[in-house]
Structure formats: C-alpha cells, structure tokens
Amino acid sequence: MRIPPFHRSPTWQRFFAGAALGGLISWVIFFYMYGVQQETQIRIIHDQREVIKDLNEKIGIWEQEYKKLNQQNEEILTIQEVEVTITNGKIYSLDQLSVAEAEDVIEDDLSSLLAKDVVSVYNGKMLLKKSIENKIMNINKKRYTLEVVEIMFYTKMNIEIKLKRTTS
C-alpha cells in the first residue's frame, strides 16, 4: 500500500495549504478571544477584591462602633422590672396564693427602683437588703421576717427571699 501522490496536484496543495492556514488563523482567533475573556475575568476579580476589601474595612468600623454603643448602653442600663421569689413557702405550709400576695407586696414596695440606673441601685444594695430584711410580713395571721438570699441586678432585678417565722 502506498500514499497517493497528492503533493503533485496543485488543487490538493491549495486545499492542504488552506487547511493549515485556516487552522493557524483559527488558533490565533481562539487565543485572542480566550485572552480577552481571561483579561475581562481578571479585571472583574480584581474589582471584586477591591470591593470586598472596602466592605471588610467598613464592617470592621461598624463592629467597633457597635461595641462602643453596646458598652455605652450597658453603662446606662435601667431597671425595668423587679421580680421577687419566696423560696421556702412550702416549709411553713403556705398556699401559693399567700406566697404570691406576699411577693406582690414586696414588689410594690420596690417599685420605686423602676427606671433607676442599675449601677446606682447596685451601689445601694446593702440599704436595699436591710430595708427588705427589716420588714415584717403578716401571712395567714402569722408573722414572718424576711431574709434576702440572693439579688441579681440587670434590667430585670431578681430577688430571692426566705421567710422566717417570728415568735412574737
């Protein structure tokens, strides 16, 4: 088997030359289009990196401002609610209504603390504790003194109280 002698025929020579030249031109066009497309993508990525960098800087600034504002707001917190809990009402066989009424009476006495600064109330916590402990409550015709177990200060002030029966 032998290769046909196409190299001697001018029509085939023109065909192969055109195919080679067309292939070369198509590769040049392909590389040009690919290069332009890649350059566009690189420019877009560069622009996006700049935008991301700017946004990250802005986020950092916002976070710092947010932290400063939170610190300032925590410094000026006010008491919005006072909750009193009597922890040992069952020991003296008190019903829940009597305990709830006693809690309400104490909460009403402490209503003057509402809308006050948490820091100022905290600074006067010993006075607050003594004023609660000096109170004598009449529950079901029996007298009880109060003992403050725990006071928690935040926008909602929680006070845990134990009852002690008085002998007189």
Protein backbone atom coordinates (compact mmCIF):
# COMPACT_ATOMS: atom_id res chain seq x y z
CA MET A 1 0.00 0.00 0.00
CA ARG A 2 1.37 3.39 -0.86
CA ILE A 3 0.45 7.03 -0.18
CA PRO A 4 -1.30 8.68 -3.09
CA PRO A 5 0.76 11.37 -4.83
CA PHE A 6 -1.35 14.38 -3.78
CA HIS A 7 1.75 16.54 -3.41
CA ARG A 8 2.00 16.83 -7.16
CA SER A 9 -1.59 18.06 -7.74
CA PRO A 10 -2.00 21.85 -7.28
CA THR A 11 -5.64 21.60 -6.12
CA TRP A 12 -4.70 19.32 -3.26
CA GLN A 13 -1.73 21.51 -2.43
CA ARG A 14 -4.05 24.51 -2.18
CA PHE A 15 -6.50 22.51 -0.03
CA PHE A 16 -3.81 21.42 2.43
CA ALA A 17 -2.27 24.90 2.50
CA GLY A 18 -5.73 26.41 3.14
CA ALA A 19 -6.42 23.85 5.89
CA ALA A 20 -3.06 24.62 7.53
CA LEU A 21 -3.57 28.38 7.19
CA GLY A 22 -7.19 28.11 8.45
CA GLY A 23 -6.06 26.04 11.42
CA LEU A 24 -3.37 28.63 12.19
CA ILE A 25 -5.82 31.53 11.88
CA SER A 26 -8.45 29.74 13.99
CA TRP A 27 -5.84 29.13 16.73
CA VAL A 28 -4.84 32.79 16.63
CA ILE A 29 -8.51 33.85 16.90
CA PHE A 30 -9.10 31.32 19.67
CA PHE A 31 -6.11 32.54 21.69
CA TYR A 32 -7.15 36.17 21.15
CA MET A 33 -10.74 35.51 22.29
CA TYR A 34 -9.54 33.40 25.22
CA GLY A 35 -7.04 36.10 26.24
CA VAL A 36 -9.67 38.85 26.06
CA GLN A 37 -12.07 36.74 28.09
CA GLN A 38 -9.41 35.95 30.70
CA GLU A 39 -8.40 39.61 30.88
CA THR A 40 -12.03 40.54 31.50
CA GLN A 41 -12.32 37.88 34.21
CA ILE A 42 -9.11 39.07 35.86
CA ARG A 43 -10.39 42.66 35.83
CA ILE A 44 -13.72 41.56 37.37
CA ILE A 45 -11.93 39.53 40.07
CA HIS A 46 -9.64 42.48 40.82
CA ASP A 47 -12.63 44.82 41.14
CA GLN A 48 -14.42 42.33 43.37
CA ARG A 49 -11.33 42.01 45.60
CA GLU A 50 -11.26 45.79 45.98
CA VAL A 51 -14.96 45.86 46.85
CA ILE A 52 -14.51 43.02 49.37
CA LYS A 53 -11.56 44.82 50.92
CA ASP A 54 -13.56 48.05 51.25
CA LEU A 55 -16.57 46.21 52.68
CA ASN A 56 -14.39 44.35 55.20
CA GLU A 57 -12.95 47.68 56.34
CA LYS A 58 -16.46 49.11 56.68
CA ILE A 59 -17.57 46.03 58.61
CA GLY A 60 -14.62 46.49 60.96
CA ILE A 61 -15.58 50.11 61.55
CA TRP A 62 -19.23 49.16 62.13
CA GLU A 63 -18.24 46.43 64.59
CA GLN A 64 -16.11 48.87 66.56
CA GLU A 65 -18.93 51.40 66.67
CA TYR A 66 -21.40 48.67 67.63
CA LYS A 67 -19.17 47.55 70.51
CA LYS A 68 -18.77 51.14 71.71
CA LEU A 69 -22.53 51.71 71.61
CA ASN A 70 -23.16 48.44 73.47
CA GLN A 71 -20.70 49.46 76.17
CA GLN A 72 -22.35 52.86 76.49
CA ASN A 73 -25.80 51.28 76.65
CA GLU A 74 -24.68 48.80 79.30
CA GLU A 75 -23.35 51.68 81.34
CA ILE A 76 -26.72 53.41 81.33
CA LEU A 77 -28.95 50.37 81.84
CA THR A 78 -32.05 50.94 83.87
CA ILE A 79 -34.10 48.54 85.93
CA GLN A 80 -37.26 47.77 84.03
CA GLU A 81 -38.76 45.02 86.18
CA VAL A 82 -38.46 43.76 89.73
CA GLU A 83 -39.19 40.09 90.42
CA VAL A 84 -39.37 38.72 93.94
CA THR A 85 -39.36 34.99 94.66
CA ILE A 86 -40.05 33.45 98.04
CA THR A 87 -38.14 30.18 98.08
CA ASN A 88 -39.32 28.43 101.25
CA GLY A 89 -43.09 28.96 101.32
CA LYS A 90 -43.79 25.21 101.39
CA ILE A 91 -41.79 24.71 104.58
CA TYR A 92 -44.35 26.77 106.51
CA SER A 93 -47.26 25.15 104.63
CA LEU A 94 -48.24 28.36 102.89
CA ASP A 95 -50.52 28.17 99.88
CA GLN A 96 -49.39 29.61 96.58
CA LEU A 97 -51.86 32.47 96.72
CA SER A 98 -50.47 33.72 100.04
CA VAL A 99 -46.92 33.45 98.75
CA ALA A 100 -47.86 35.29 95.53
CA GLU A 101 -49.58 38.06 97.53
CA ALA A 102 -46.51 38.45 99.73
CA GLU A 103 -44.29 38.62 96.65
CA ASP A 104 -46.58 41.27 95.16
CA VAL A 105 -46.44 43.36 98.34
CA ILE A 106 -42.63 43.29 98.30
CA GLU A 107 -42.56 44.10 94.57
CA ASP A 108 -44.87 47.07 95.18
CA ASP A 109 -42.53 48.31 97.92
CA LEU A 110 -39.62 48.08 95.49
CA SER A 111 -41.46 49.75 92.60
CA SER A 112 -39.54 52.96 93.33
CA LEU A 113 -36.47 51.21 91.87
CA LEU A 114 -38.03 51.04 88.41
CA ALA A 115 -36.34 53.25 85.79
CA LYS A 116 -33.35 53.79 88.07
CA ASP A 117 -29.81 53.21 86.89
CA VAL A 118 -28.57 49.67 87.60
CA VAL A 119 -25.23 50.97 88.86
CA SER A 120 -26.82 53.30 91.42
CA VAL A 121 -29.17 50.54 92.66
CA TYR A 122 -26.22 48.16 92.88
CA ASN A 123 -24.25 50.70 94.91
CA GLY A 124 -27.17 50.88 97.36
CA LYS A 125 -27.68 47.12 97.56
CA MET A 126 -26.86 46.91 101.28
CA LEU A 127 -29.53 49.52 102.04
CA LEU A 128 -31.94 47.63 99.79
CA LYS A 129 -31.16 44.36 101.54
CA LYS A 130 -31.58 45.88 105.00
CA SER A 131 -34.88 47.53 104.04
CA ILE A 132 -36.23 44.16 102.88
CA GLU A 133 -34.93 42.27 105.91
CA ASN A 134 -36.37 44.80 108.39
CA LYS A 135 -39.86 44.27 107.01
CA ILE A 136 -42.27 42.03 108.91
CA MET A 137 -45.00 40.35 106.86
CA ASN A 138 -48.31 39.02 108.10
CA ILE A 139 -49.26 35.96 106.11
CA ASN A 140 -52.31 33.93 107.22
CA LYS A 141 -52.33 35.71 110.61
CA LYS A 142 -48.74 34.69 111.28
CA ARG A 143 -45.75 37.00 111.36
CA TYR A 144 -42.68 36.37 109.22
CA THR A 145 -39.40 38.21 108.82
CA LEU A 146 -37.63 38.20 105.50
CA GLU A 147 -34.08 37.15 104.70
CA VAL A 148 -32.55 38.07 101.36
CA VAL A 149 -30.78 35.06 99.86
CA GLU A 150 -29.72 36.49 96.51
CA ILE A 151 -30.10 39.67 94.47
CA MET A 152 -29.34 39.72 90.77
CA PHE A 153 -29.00 43.08 89.02
CA TYR A 154 -29.73 43.67 85.37
CA THR A 155 -32.63 45.24 83.51
CA LYS A 156 -34.74 42.72 85.41
CA MET A 157 -33.81 42.63 89.09
CA ASN A 158 -34.40 39.23 90.68
CA ILE A 159 -34.56 38.89 94.45
CA GLU A 160 -34.77 35.54 96.25
CA ILE A 161 -36.17 35.71 99.76
CA LYS A 162 -36.56 33.21 102.59
CA LEU A 163 -39.24 33.55 105.21
CA LYS A 164 -38.51 33.16 108.94
CA ARG A 165 -41.25 32.78 111.47
CA THR A 166 -41.15 35.24 114.35
CA THR A 167 -42.10 34.16 117.84
CA SER A 168 -43.81 37.33 118.99
